[in-house]
Amino acid sequence: KVNFIIKNLPKYGLKQHTNETTEVNSKSIHDTMNEFGKVNDVIVFRDNAYVWFESNNEAKHVHSLINNMQLGKNIITTKVLA
């Protein structure tokens, strides 16, 4: 069950440690979100990511950290579905 959505994702981003350009895809979102909580699955479709966190509390926590954050030239928005 999806409990977190990220909207307005760019197609590419920069890796923080290497400054390499990388595609924003399900794996990159999964790896990034897994830093904040247990992620069961991620689907990226168009410029949206649908994330299944293990718990709604983890989804709420990530929402408080990254909602309205700039990612590349895009301002991403997030929504918790509970």
C-alpha atoms as a PDB file:
ATOM      1  CA  LYS A   1       0.000   0.000   0.000  1.00  0.00           C
ATOM      2  CA  VAL A   2       1.438   3.368  -1.032  1.00  0.00           C
ATOM      3  CA  ASN A   3       1.797   5.714   1.908  1.00  0.00           C
ATOM      4  CA  PHE A   4       4.064   8.419   0.450  1.00  0.00           C
ATOM      5  CA  ILE A   5       4.168  10.327  -2.846  1.00  0.00           C
ATOM      6  CA  ILE A   6       6.887  12.601  -4.192  1.00  0.00           C
ATOM      7  CA  LYS A   7       5.803  14.936  -7.007  1.00  0.00           C
ATOM      8  CA  ASN A   8       7.753  16.986  -9.562  1.00  0.00           C
ATOM      9  CA  LEU A   9      10.882  14.831  -9.657  1.00  0.00           C
ATOM     10  CA  PRO A  10      13.556  15.831 -12.161  1.00  0.00           C
ATOM     11  CA  LYS A  11      14.788  13.239 -14.664  1.00  0.00           C
ATOM     12  CA  TYR A  12      18.370  13.573 -13.390  1.00  0.00           C
ATOM     13  CA  GLY A  13      20.081  14.530 -10.158  1.00  0.00           C
ATOM     14  CA  LEU A  14      23.600  14.772  -8.773  1.00  0.00           C
ATOM     15  CA  LYS A  15      25.127  12.187  -6.477  1.00  0.00           C
ATOM     16  CA  GLN A  16      26.112  14.035  -3.327  1.00  0.00           C
ATOM     17  CA  HIS A  17      29.521  12.416  -2.802  1.00  0.00           C
ATOM     18  CA  THR A  18      30.739  12.304  -6.412  1.00  0.00           C
ATOM     19  CA  ASN A  19      28.810  15.115  -8.158  1.00  0.00           C
ATOM     20  CA  GLU A  20      28.044  12.632 -10.947  1.00  0.00           C
ATOM     21  CA  THR A  21      24.791  13.037 -12.855  1.00  0.00           C
ATOM     22  CA  THR A  22      22.469  10.101 -12.258  1.00  0.00           C
ATOM     23  CA  GLU A  23      18.986   9.186 -13.443  1.00  0.00           C
ATOM     24  CA  VAL A  24      16.235   9.604 -10.858  1.00  0.00           C
ATOM     25  CA  ASN A  25      14.561   6.182 -10.933  1.00  0.00           C
ATOM     26  CA  SER A  26      12.991   3.624  -8.601  1.00  0.00           C
ATOM     27  CA  LYS A  27      16.365   2.347  -7.387  1.00  0.00           C
ATOM     28  CA  SER A  28      17.802   5.793  -6.650  1.00  0.00           C
ATOM     29  CA  ILE A  29      14.630   6.855  -4.791  1.00  0.00           C
ATOM     30  CA  HIS A  30      14.565   3.534  -2.896  1.00  0.00           C
ATOM     31  CA  ASP A  31      18.204   3.886  -1.851  1.00  0.00           C
ATOM     32  CA  THR A  32      17.706   7.499  -0.768  1.00  0.00           C
ATOM     33  CA  MET A  33      14.456   6.902   1.145  1.00  0.00           C
ATOM     34  CA  ASN A  34      15.936   3.816   2.824  1.00  0.00           C
ATOM     35  CA  GLU A  35      18.290   6.211   4.641  1.00  0.00           C
ATOM     36  CA  PHE A  36      15.224   7.568   6.484  1.00  0.00           C
ATOM     37  CA  GLY A  37      13.228   4.401   7.109  1.00  0.00           C
ATOM     38  CA  LYS A  38      12.439   0.887   5.915  1.00  0.00           C
ATOM     39  CA  VAL A  39      11.167   1.015   2.325  1.00  0.00           C
ATOM     40  CA  ASN A  40       9.212  -1.929   0.950  1.00  0.00           C
ATOM     41  CA  ASP A  41       8.949  -0.722  -2.659  1.00  0.00           C
ATOM     42  CA  VAL A  42       9.111   2.311  -4.948  1.00  0.00           C
ATOM     43  CA  ILE A  43       7.554   2.986  -8.336  1.00  0.00           C
ATOM     44  CA  VAL A  44       8.551   6.036 -10.390  1.00  0.00           C
ATOM     45  CA  PHE A  45       6.034   7.036 -13.044  1.00  0.00           C
ATOM     46  CA  ARG A  46       6.550  10.199 -15.061  1.00  0.00           C
ATOM     47  CA  ASP A  47       7.707  12.785 -12.518  1.00  0.00           C
ATOM     48  CA  ASN A  48       6.158  11.107  -9.458  1.00  0.00           C
ATOM     49  CA  ALA A  49       7.475   8.508  -7.017  1.00  0.00           C
ATOM     50  CA  TYR A  50       5.113   6.234  -5.111  1.00  0.00           C
ATOM     51  CA  VAL A  51       6.792   4.887  -1.982  1.00  0.00           C
ATOM     52  CA  TRP A  52       5.783   2.088   0.397  1.00  0.00           C
ATOM     53  CA  PHE A  53       7.381   2.788   3.780  1.00  0.00           C
ATOM     54  CA  GLU A  54       7.198   0.092   6.442  1.00  0.00           C
ATOM     55  CA  SER A  55       5.297   2.511   8.690  1.00  0.00           C
ATOM     56  CA  ASN A  56       3.272   5.694   8.330  1.00  0.00           C
ATOM     57  CA  ASN A  57       5.458   7.324  10.994  1.00  0.00           C
ATOM     58  CA  GLU A  58       8.478   6.953   8.706  1.00  0.00           C
ATOM     59  CA  ALA A  59       6.501   8.478   5.830  1.00  0.00           C
ATOM     60  CA  LYS A  60       5.478  11.422   8.030  1.00  0.00           C
ATOM     61  CA  HIS A  61       9.059  11.942   9.155  1.00  0.00           C
ATOM     62  CA  VAL A  62      10.417  12.024   5.590  1.00  0.00           C
ATOM     63  CA  HIS A  63       7.586  14.359   4.563  1.00  0.00           C
ATOM     64  CA  SER A  64       8.636  16.814   7.286  1.00  0.00           C
ATOM     65  CA  LEU A  65      12.232  16.719   5.998  1.00  0.00           C
ATOM     66  CA  ILE A  66      11.856  16.961   2.209  1.00  0.00           C
ATOM     67  CA  ASN A  67       8.494  18.573   1.377  1.00  0.00           C
ATOM     68  CA  ASN A  68       9.089  21.682  -0.772  1.00  0.00           C
ATOM     69  CA  MET A  69      12.791  20.853  -1.117  1.00  0.00           C
ATOM     70  CA  GLN A  70      14.711  21.820  -4.238  1.00  0.00           C
ATOM     71  CA  LEU A  71      16.072  18.877  -6.212  1.00  0.00           C
ATOM     72  CA  GLY A  72      18.041  20.128  -9.185  1.00  0.00           C
ATOM     73  CA  LYS A  73      15.900  22.854 -10.722  1.00  0.00           C
ATOM     74  CA  ASN A  74      12.661  21.315  -9.419  1.00  0.00           C
ATOM     75  CA  ILE A  75      10.840  22.008  -6.171  1.00  0.00           C
ATOM     76  CA  ILE A  76       9.502  18.641  -5.050  1.00  0.00           C
ATOM     77  CA  THR A  77       6.367  18.254  -2.973  1.00  0.00           C
ATOM     78  CA  THR A  78       5.431  15.259  -0.885  1.00  0.00           C
ATOM     79  CA  LYS A  79       2.218  13.850   0.481  1.00  0.00           C
ATOM     80  CA  VAL A  80       1.585  11.248   3.159  1.00  0.00           C
ATOM     81  CA  LEU A  81      -1.317   8.892   2.501  1.00  0.00           C
ATOM     82  CA  ALA A  82      -2.493   7.396   5.759  1.00  0.00           C
END
